[in-house]
Amino acid sequence: MLVLTGELDVVSAPELAQCLNEALAEGHARVTLDLSELEFVDSAGVSVLIKGKQDAESNGRTLVLRHPTEQVHRVFALVGLADWLSD
């Protein structure tokens, strides 16, 4: 499980992309991201999460996004991806 804290934006998104790539390359069947401490996410952050989920699924794996904050939930609802979030 990876715990995301602070802001997921154009500055931090590449680091998350690298972490997700490494986790998926290690062959984990399920990678869980805890979003309970994520205060902000912008389009760059959402893009990394979308790509991570697509990459996981194309390799028979699962990327789970858990415990979103209100702000994160709002952003995902706006882009039509709220169903990707779980408590």
PDB file of N, CA and C in Angstrom:
ATOM      1  N   MET A   1       0.842  -1.172   0.000  1.00  0.00           N
ATOM      2  CA  MET A   1       0.000   0.000   0.000  1.00  0.00           C
ATOM      3  C   MET A   1       0.890   1.238   0.000  1.00  0.00           C
ATOM      4  N   LEU A   2       0.523   2.183  -0.851  1.00  0.00           N
ATOM      5  CA  LEU A   2       1.211   3.463  -0.893  1.00  0.00           C
ATOM      6  C   LEU A   2       0.278   4.515  -0.297  1.00  0.00           C
ATOM      7  N   VAL A   3       0.812   5.338   0.600  1.00  0.00           N
ATOM      8  CA  VAL A   3       0.027   6.412   1.202  1.00  0.00           C
ATOM      9  C   VAL A   3       0.452   7.723   0.552  1.00  0.00           C
ATOM     10  N   LEU A   4      -0.507   8.393  -0.080  1.00  0.00           N
ATOM     11  CA  LEU A   4      -0.217   9.668  -0.726  1.00  0.00           C
ATOM     12  C   LEU A   4      -0.541  10.794   0.239  1.00  0.00           C
ATOM     13  N   THR A   5       0.382  11.739   0.376  1.00  0.00           N
ATOM     14  CA  THR A   5       0.182  12.864   1.279  1.00  0.00           C
ATOM     15  C   THR A   5       0.416  14.173   0.538  1.00  0.00           C
ATOM     16  N   GLY A   6      -0.174  15.228   1.072  1.00  0.00           N
ATOM     17  CA  GLY A   6       0.058  16.555   0.514  1.00  0.00           C
ATOM     18  C   GLY A   6      -0.662  16.767  -0.793  1.00  0.00           C
ATOM     19  N   GLU A   7       0.103  17.145  -1.819  1.00  0.00           N
ATOM     20  CA  GLU A   7      -0.469  17.487  -3.113  1.00  0.00           C
ATOM     21  C   GLU A   7       0.044  16.550  -4.202  1.00  0.00           C
ATOM     22  N   LEU A   8      -0.872  16.141  -5.052  1.00  0.00           N
ATOM     23  CA  LEU A   8      -0.520  15.364  -6.229  1.00  0.00           C
ATOM     24  C   LEU A   8      -0.753  16.275  -7.427  1.00  0.00           C
ATOM     25  N   ASP A   9       0.340  16.856  -7.891  1.00  0.00           N
ATOM     26  CA  ASP A   9       0.236  17.867  -8.938  1.00  0.00           C
ATOM     27  C   ASP A   9       1.345  17.670  -9.960  1.00  0.00           C
ATOM     28  N   VAL A  10       1.502  18.664 -10.824  1.00  0.00           N
ATOM     29  CA  VAL A  10       2.480  18.571 -11.909  1.00  0.00           C
ATOM     30  C   VAL A  10       3.902  18.335 -11.385  1.00  0.00           C
ATOM     31  N   VAL A  11       4.187  18.768 -10.163  1.00  0.00           N
ATOM     32  CA  VAL A  11       5.515  18.589  -9.584  1.00  0.00           C
ATOM     33  C   VAL A  11       5.702  17.169  -9.043  1.00  0.00           C
ATOM     34  N   SER A  12       4.697  16.658  -8.340  1.00  0.00           N
ATOM     35  CA  SER A  12       4.834  15.357  -7.678  1.00  0.00           C
ATOM     36  C   SER A  12       4.341  14.179  -8.515  1.00  0.00           C
ATOM     37  N   ALA A  13       3.560  14.429  -9.544  1.00  0.00           N
ATOM     38  CA  ALA A  13       2.992  13.344 -10.349  1.00  0.00           C
ATOM     39  C   ALA A  13       4.047  12.416 -10.961  1.00  0.00           C
ATOM     40  N   PRO A  14       5.165  12.938 -11.490  1.00  0.00           N
ATOM     41  CA  PRO A  14       6.169  12.025 -12.057  1.00  0.00           C
ATOM     42  C   PRO A  14       6.736  11.028 -11.033  1.00  0.00           C
ATOM     43  N   GLU A  15       6.879  11.470  -9.793  1.00  0.00           N
ATOM     44  CA  GLU A  15       7.379  10.564  -8.747  1.00  0.00           C
ATOM     45  C   GLU A  15       6.373   9.442  -8.494  1.00  0.00           C
ATOM     46  N   LEU A  16       5.091   9.783  -8.442  1.00  0.00           N
ATOM     47  CA  LEU A  16       4.071   8.746  -8.259  1.00  0.00           C
ATOM     48  C   LEU A  16       4.064   7.801  -9.450  1.00  0.00           C
ATOM     49  N   ALA A  17       4.182   8.347 -10.650  1.00  0.00           N
ATOM     50  CA  ALA A  17       4.204   7.495 -11.846  1.00  0.00           C
ATOM     51  C   ALA A  17       5.334   6.472 -11.753  1.00  0.00           C
ATOM     52  N   GLN A  18       6.498   6.911 -11.304  1.00  0.00           N
ATOM     53  CA  GLN A  18       7.632   6.005 -11.154  1.00  0.00           C
ATOM     54  C   GLN A  18       7.338   4.937 -10.100  1.00  0.00           C
ATOM     55  N   CYS A  19       6.775   5.333  -8.968  1.00  0.00           N
ATOM     56  CA  CYS A  19       6.439   4.373  -7.906  1.00  0.00           C
ATOM     57  C   CYS A  19       5.428   3.343  -8.397  1.00  0.00           C
ATOM     58  N   LEU A  20       4.411   3.802  -9.138  1.00  0.00           N
ATOM     59  CA  LEU A  20       3.405   2.877  -9.669  1.00  0.00           C
ATOM     60  C   LEU A  20       4.031   1.923 -10.676  1.00  0.00           C
ATOM     61  N   ASN A  21       4.879   2.433 -11.536  1.00  0.00           N
ATOM     62  CA  ASN A  21       5.549   1.574 -12.516  1.00  0.00           C
ATOM     63  C   ASN A  21       6.377   0.500 -11.822  1.00  0.00           C
ATOM     64  N   GLU A  22       7.094   0.889 -10.772  1.00  0.00           N
ATOM     65  CA  GLU A  22       7.920  -0.067 -10.032  1.00  0.00           C
ATOM     66  C   GLU A  22       7.052  -1.124  -9.350  1.00  0.00           C
ATOM     67  N   ALA A  23       5.963  -0.685  -8.705  1.00  0.00           N
ATOM     68  CA  ALA A  23       5.081  -1.624  -8.010  1.00  0.00           C
ATOM     69  C   ALA A  23       4.464  -2.614  -8.997  1.00  0.00           C
ATOM     70  N   LEU A  24       4.037  -2.125 -10.148  1.00  0.00           N
ATOM     71  CA  LEU A  24       3.438  -3.013 -11.139  1.00  0.00           C
ATOM     72  C   LEU A  24       4.482  -3.922 -11.771  1.00  0.00           C
ATOM     73  N   ALA A  25       5.698  -3.432 -11.950  1.00  0.00           N
ATOM     74  CA  ALA A  25       6.773  -4.246 -12.517  1.00  0.00           C
ATOM     75  C   ALA A  25       7.176  -5.377 -11.572  1.00  0.00           C
ATOM     76  N   GLU A  26       6.992  -5.160 -10.272  1.00  0.00           N
ATOM     77  CA  GLU A  26       7.321  -6.198  -9.288  1.00  0.00           C
ATOM     78  C   GLU A  26       6.299  -7.323  -9.297  1.00  0.00           C
ATOM     79  N   GLY A  27       5.226  -7.145 -10.045  1.00  0.00           N
ATOM     80  CA  GLY A  27       4.253  -8.219 -10.190  1.00  0.00           C
ATOM     81  C   GLY A  27       3.176  -8.278  -9.132  1.00  0.00           C
ATOM     82  N   HIS A  28       3.028  -7.220  -8.353  1.00  0.00           N
ATOM     83  CA  HIS A  28       1.955  -7.210  -7.358  1.00  0.00           C
ATOM     84  C   HIS A  28       0.606  -7.299  -8.068  1.00  0.00           C
ATOM     85  N   ALA A  29      -0.232  -8.211  -7.629  1.00  0.00           N
ATOM     86  CA  ALA A  29      -1.541  -8.375  -8.253  1.00  0.00           C
ATOM     87  C   ALA A  29      -2.455  -7.194  -7.939  1.00  0.00           C
ATOM     88  N   ARG A  30      -2.221  -6.588  -6.781  1.00  0.00           N
ATOM     89  CA  ARG A  30      -3.072  -5.482  -6.344  1.00  0.00           C
ATOM     90  C   ARG A  30      -2.200  -4.410  -5.716  1.00  0.00           C
ATOM     91  N   VAL A  31      -2.331  -3.193  -6.211  1.00  0.00           N
ATOM     92  CA  VAL A  31      -1.630  -2.054  -5.638  1.00  0.00           C
ATOM     93  C   VAL A  31      -2.706  -1.117  -5.080  1.00  0.00           C
ATOM     94  N   THR A  32      -2.579  -0.784  -3.801  1.00  0.00           N
ATOM     95  CA  THR A  32      -3.562   0.083  -3.160  1.00  0.00           C
ATOM     96  C   THR A  32      -2.931   1.425  -2.835  1.00  0.00           C
ATOM     97  N   LEU A  33      -3.642   2.488  -3.195  1.00  0.00           N
ATOM     98  CA  LEU A  33      -3.223   3.842  -2.861  1.00  0.00           C
ATOM     99  C   LEU A  33      -4.177   4.388  -1.809  1.00  0.00           C
ATOM    100  N   ASP A  34      -3.636   4.757  -0.665  1.00  0.00           N
ATOM    101  CA  ASP A  34      -4.418   5.381   0.403  1.00  0.00           C
ATOM    102  C   ASP A  34      -4.389   6.886   0.166  1.00  0.00           C
ATOM    103  N   LEU A  35      -5.564   7.459  -0.096  1.00  0.00           N
ATOM    104  CA  LEU A  35      -5.666   8.885  -0.419  1.00  0.00           C
ATOM    105  C   LEU A  35      -6.127   9.728   0.760  1.00  0.00           C
ATOM    106  N   SER A  36      -6.171   9.153   1.949  1.00  0.00           N
ATOM    107  CA  SER A  36      -6.746   9.843   3.112  1.00  0.00           C
ATOM    108  C   SER A  36      -5.957  11.070   3.547  1.00  0.00           C
ATOM    109  N   GLU A  37      -4.709  11.179   3.135  1.00  0.00           N
ATOM    110  CA  GLU A  37      -3.893  12.337   3.508  1.00  0.00           C
ATOM    111  C   GLU A  37      -3.556  13.211   2.304  1.00  0.00           C
ATOM    112  N   LEU A  38      -4.218  12.945   1.185  1.00  0.00           N
ATOM    113  CA  LEU A  38      -3.993  13.721  -0.028  1.00  0.00           C
ATOM    114  C   LEU A  38      -4.890  14.960   0.013  1.00  0.00           C
ATOM    115  N   GLU A  39      -4.273  16.110   0.078  1.00  0.00           N
ATOM    116  CA  GLU A  39      -5.017  17.360   0.244  1.00  0.00           C
ATOM    117  C   GLU A  39      -5.462  17.980  -1.073  1.00  0.00           C
ATOM    118  N   PHE A  40      -4.742  17.671  -2.151  1.00  0.00           N
ATOM    119  CA  PHE A  40      -5.018  18.318  -3.435  1.00  0.00           C
ATOM    120  C   PHE A  40      -4.587  17.414  -4.567  1.00  0.00           C
ATOM    121  N   VAL A  41      -5.365  17.405  -5.637  1.00  0.00           N
ATOM    122  CA  VAL A  41      -4.978  16.692  -6.851  1.00  0.00           C
ATOM    123  C   VAL A  41      -5.379  17.555  -8.046  1.00  0.00           C
ATOM    124  N   ASP A  42      -4.462  17.684  -9.009  1.00  0.00           N
ATOM    125  CA  ASP A  42      -4.777  18.451 -10.209  1.00  0.00           C
ATOM    126  C   ASP A  42      -4.835  17.497 -11.403  1.00  0.00           C
ATOM    127  N   SER A  43      -4.960  18.070 -12.591  1.00  0.00           N
ATOM    128  CA  SER A  43      -5.118  17.238 -13.786  1.00  0.00           C
ATOM    129  C   SER A  43      -3.906  16.334 -14.033  1.00  0.00           C
ATOM    130  N   ALA A  44      -2.717  16.799 -13.694  1.00  0.00           N
ATOM    131  CA  ALA A  44      -1.526  15.959 -13.863  1.00  0.00           C
ATOM    132  C   ALA A  44      -1.599  14.743 -12.945  1.00  0.00           C
ATOM    133  N   GLY A  45      -2.054  14.965 -11.716  1.00  0.00           N
ATOM    134  CA  GLY A  45      -2.204  13.857 -10.772  1.00  0.00           C
ATOM    135  C   GLY A  45      -3.266  12.874 -11.217  1.00  0.00           C
ATOM    136  N   VAL A  46      -4.407  13.392 -11.675  1.00  0.00           N
ATOM    137  CA  VAL A  46      -5.476  12.524 -12.168  1.00  0.00           C
ATOM    138  C   VAL A  46      -4.974  11.710 -13.362  1.00  0.00           C
ATOM    139  N   SER A  47      -4.216  12.345 -14.237  1.00  0.00           N
ATOM    140  CA  SER A  47      -3.682  11.647 -15.411  1.00  0.00           C
ATOM    141  C   SER A  47      -2.783  10.481 -15.018  1.00  0.00           C
ATOM    142  N   VAL A  48      -1.947  10.677 -14.011  1.00  0.00           N
ATOM    143  CA  VAL A  48      -1.068   9.597 -13.545  1.00  0.00           C
ATOM    144  C   VAL A  48      -1.902   8.446 -12.980  1.00  0.00           C
ATOM    145  N   LEU A  49      -2.944   8.776 -12.239  1.00  0.00           N
ATOM    146  CA  LEU A  49      -3.797   7.731 -11.666  1.00  0.00           C
ATOM    147  C   LEU A  49      -4.556   6.985 -12.764  1.00  0.00           C
ATOM    148  N   ILE A  50      -5.040   7.698 -13.764  1.00  0.00           N
ATOM    149  CA  ILE A  50      -5.722   7.046 -14.887  1.00  0.00           C
ATOM    150  C   ILE A  50      -4.766   6.106 -15.610  1.00  0.00           C
ATOM    151  N   LYS A  51      -3.582   6.589 -15.930  1.00  0.00           N
ATOM    152  CA  LYS A  51      -2.597   5.752 -16.627  1.00  0.00           C
ATOM    153  C   LYS A  51      -2.208   4.545 -15.777  1.00  0.00           C
ATOM    154  N   GLY A  52      -2.016   4.767 -14.470  1.00  0.00           N
ATOM    155  CA  GLY A  52      -1.677   3.661 -13.579  1.00  0.00           C
ATOM    156  C   GLY A  52      -2.757   2.599 -13.556  1.00  0.00           C
ATOM    157  N   LYS A  53      -4.002   3.032 -13.500  1.00  0.00           N
ATOM    158  CA  LYS A  53      -5.120   2.080 -13.478  1.00  0.00           C
ATOM    159  C   LYS A  53      -5.193   1.319 -14.808  1.00  0.00           C
ATOM    160  N   GLN A  54      -5.026   2.030 -15.910  1.00  0.00           N
ATOM    161  CA  GLN A  54      -5.053   1.376 -17.218  1.00  0.00           C
ATOM    162  C   GLN A  54      -3.900   0.392 -17.371  1.00  0.00           C
ATOM    163  N   ASP A  55      -2.705   0.792 -16.942  1.00  0.00           N
ATOM    164  CA  ASP A  55      -1.545  -0.095 -17.021  1.00  0.00           C
ATOM    165  C   ASP A  55      -1.759  -1.348 -16.173  1.00  0.00           C
ATOM    166  N   ALA A  56      -2.286  -1.149 -14.969  1.00  0.00           N
ATOM    167  CA  ALA A  56      -2.536  -2.284 -14.082  1.00  0.00           C
ATOM    168  C   ALA A  56      -3.517  -3.257 -14.732  1.00  0.00           C
ATOM    169  N   GLU A  57      -4.626  -2.725 -15.206  1.00  0.00           N
ATOM    170  CA  GLU A  57      -5.663  -3.582 -15.776  1.00  0.00           C
ATOM    171  C   GLU A  57      -5.201  -4.281 -17.054  1.00  0.00           C
ATOM    172  N   SER A  58      -4.385  -3.611 -17.847  1.00  0.00           N
ATOM    173  CA  SER A  58      -3.908  -4.235 -19.086  1.00  0.00           C
ATOM    174  C   SER A  58      -2.945  -5.388 -18.800  1.00  0.00           C
ATOM    175  N   ASN A  59      -2.421  -5.436 -17.570  1.00  0.00           N
ATOM    176  CA  ASN A  59      -1.527  -6.514 -17.170  1.00  0.00           C
ATOM    177  C   ASN A  59      -2.180  -7.475 -16.180  1.00  0.00           C
ATOM    178  N   GLY A  60      -3.510  -7.415 -16.085  1.00  0.00           N
ATOM    179  CA  GLY A  60      -4.237  -8.331 -15.208  1.00  0.00           C
ATOM    180  C   GLY A  60      -4.098  -8.013 -13.733  1.00  0.00           C
ATOM    181  N   ARG A  61      -3.766  -6.775 -13.425  1.00  0.00           N
ATOM    182  CA  ARG A  61      -3.601  -6.363 -12.029  1.00  0.00           C
ATOM    183  C   ARG A  61      -4.674  -5.340 -11.659  1.00  0.00           C
ATOM    184  N   THR A  62      -4.700  -4.955 -10.396  1.00  0.00           N
ATOM    185  CA  THR A  62      -5.707  -4.021  -9.909  1.00  0.00           C
ATOM    186  C   THR A  62      -5.046  -2.859  -9.194  1.00  0.00           C
ATOM    187  N   LEU A  63      -5.491  -1.654  -9.494  1.00  0.00           N
ATOM    188  CA  LEU A  63      -5.077  -0.459  -8.762  1.00  0.00           C
ATOM    189  C   LEU A  63      -6.297   0.035  -8.011  1.00  0.00           C
ATOM    190  N   VAL A  64      -6.183   0.089  -6.681  1.00  0.00           N
ATOM    191  CA  VAL A  64      -7.296   0.479  -5.826  1.00  0.00           C
ATOM    192  C   VAL A  64      -7.003   1.843  -5.214  1.00  0.00           C
ATOM    193  N   LEU A  65      -7.971   2.741  -5.305  1.00  0.00           N
ATOM    194  CA  LEU A  65      -7.855   4.081  -4.721  1.00  0.00           C
ATOM    195  C   LEU A  65      -8.788   4.139  -3.526  1.00  0.00           C
ATOM    196  N   ARG A  66      -8.203   4.230  -2.305  1.00  0.00           N
ATOM    197  CA  ARG A  66      -9.010   4.141  -1.082  1.00  0.00           C
ATOM    198  C   ARG A  66      -8.957   5.408  -0.267  1.00  0.00           C
ATOM    199  N   HIS A  67     -10.014   5.609   0.497  1.00  0.00           N
ATOM    200  CA  HIS A  67     -10.128   6.680   1.490  1.00  0.00           C
ATOM    201  C   HIS A  67      -9.854   8.075   0.926  1.00  0.00           C
ATOM    202  N   PRO A  68     -10.557   8.462  -0.131  1.00  0.00           N
ATOM    203  CA  PRO A  68     -10.311   9.797  -0.686  1.00  0.00           C
ATOM    204  C   PRO A  68     -10.799  10.895   0.254  1.00  0.00           C
ATOM    205  N   THR A  69     -10.087  11.997   0.249  1.00  0.00           N
ATOM    206  CA  THR A  69     -10.554  13.178   0.979  1.00  0.00           C
ATOM    207  C   THR A  69     -11.704  13.790   0.175  1.00  0.00           C
ATOM    208  N   GLU A  70     -12.402  14.742   0.773  1.00  0.00           N
ATOM    209  CA  GLU A  70     -13.509  15.396   0.069  1.00  0.00           C
ATOM    210  C   GLU A  70     -13.042  16.049  -1.224  1.00  0.00           C
ATOM    211  N   GLN A  71     -11.894  16.723  -1.174  1.00  0.00           N
ATOM    212  CA  GLN A  71     -11.388  17.421  -2.353  1.00  0.00           C
ATOM    213  C   GLN A  71     -11.085  16.430  -3.469  1.00  0.00           C
ATOM    214  N   VAL A  72     -10.451  15.335  -3.131  1.00  0.00           N
ATOM    215  CA  VAL A  72     -10.110  14.328  -4.138  1.00  0.00           C
ATOM    216  C   VAL A  72     -11.393  13.721  -4.707  1.00  0.00           C
ATOM    217  N   HIS A  73     -12.335  13.426  -3.851  1.00  0.00           N
ATOM    218  CA  HIS A  73     -13.601  12.858  -4.305  1.00  0.00           C
ATOM    219  C   HIS A  73     -14.303  13.825  -5.260  1.00  0.00           C
ATOM    220  N   ARG A  74     -14.287  15.091  -4.929  1.00  0.00           N
ATOM    221  CA  ARG A  74     -14.920  16.112  -5.764  1.00  0.00           C
ATOM    222  C   ARG A  74     -14.286  16.146  -7.167  1.00  0.00           C
ATOM    223  N   VAL A  75     -12.967  16.129  -7.212  1.00  0.00           N
ATOM    224  CA  VAL A  75     -12.266  16.146  -8.499  1.00  0.00           C
ATOM    225  C   VAL A  75     -12.622  14.909  -9.323  1.00  0.00           C
ATOM    226  N   PHE A  76     -12.609  13.751  -8.697  1.00  0.00           N
ATOM    227  CA  PHE A  76     -12.935  12.527  -9.417  1.00  0.00           C
ATOM    228  C   PHE A  76     -14.389  12.518  -9.880  1.00  0.00           C
ATOM    229  N   ALA A  77     -15.275  13.088  -9.082  1.00  0.00           N
ATOM    230  CA  ALA A  77     -16.675  13.194  -9.492  1.00  0.00           C
ATOM    231  C   ALA A  77     -16.804  14.112 -10.708  1.00  0.00           C
ATOM    232  N   LEU A  78     -16.064  15.211 -10.711  1.00  0.00           N
ATOM    233  CA  LEU A  78     -16.115  16.165 -11.827  1.00  0.00           C
ATOM    234  C   LEU A  78     -15.649  15.544 -13.142  1.00  0.00           C
ATOM    235  N   VAL A  79     -14.682  14.659 -13.066  1.00  0.00           N
ATOM    236  CA  VAL A  79     -14.168  14.042 -14.296  1.00  0.00           C
ATOM    237  C   VAL A  79     -14.838  12.694 -14.584  1.00  0.00           C
ATOM    238  N   GLY A  80     -15.851  12.348 -13.804  1.00  0.00           N
ATOM    239  CA  GLY A  80     -16.617  11.136 -14.056  1.00  0.00           C
ATOM    240  C   GLY A  80     -15.966   9.850 -13.601  1.00  0.00           C
ATOM    241  N   LEU A  81     -15.048   9.940 -12.638  1.00  0.00           N
ATOM    242  CA  LEU A  81     -14.336   8.745 -12.179  1.00  0.00           C
ATOM    243  C   LEU A  81     -14.575   8.427 -10.702  1.00  0.00           C
ATOM    244  N   ALA A  82     -15.638   8.967 -10.127  1.00  0.00           N
ATOM    245  CA  ALA A  82     -15.895   8.745  -8.699  1.00  0.00           C
ATOM    246  C   ALA A  82     -16.069   7.261  -8.376  1.00  0.00           C
ATOM    247  N   ASP A  83     -16.518   6.471  -9.347  1.00  0.00           N
ATOM    248  CA  ASP A  83     -16.704   5.040  -9.092  1.00  0.00           C
ATOM    249  C   ASP A  83     -15.379   4.295  -8.931  1.00  0.00           C
ATOM    250  N   TRP A  84     -14.265   4.950  -9.231  1.00  0.00           N
ATOM    251  CA  TRP A  84     -12.949   4.343  -9.007  1.00  0.00           C
ATOM    252  C   TRP A  84     -12.545   4.388  -7.538  1.00  0.00           C
ATOM    253  N   LEU A  85     -13.207   5.213  -6.750  1.00  0.00           N
ATOM    254  CA  LEU A  85     -12.826   5.433  -5.356  1.00  0.00           C
ATOM    255  C   LEU A  85     -13.562   4.486  -4.432  1.00  0.00           C
ATOM    256  N   SER A  86     -12.871   4.011  -3.403  1.00  0.00           N
ATOM    257  CA  SER A  86     -13.510   3.167  -2.398  1.00  0.00           C
ATOM    258  C   SER A  86     -13.128   3.656  -1.007  1.00  0.00           C
ATOM    259  N   ASP A  87     -13.991   3.330  -0.062  1.00  0.00           N
ATOM    260  CA  ASP A  87     -13.735   3.737   1.326  1.00  0.00           C
ATOM    261  C   ASP A  87     -12.869   2.757   2.065  1.00  0.00           C
TER     262      ASP A  87
END
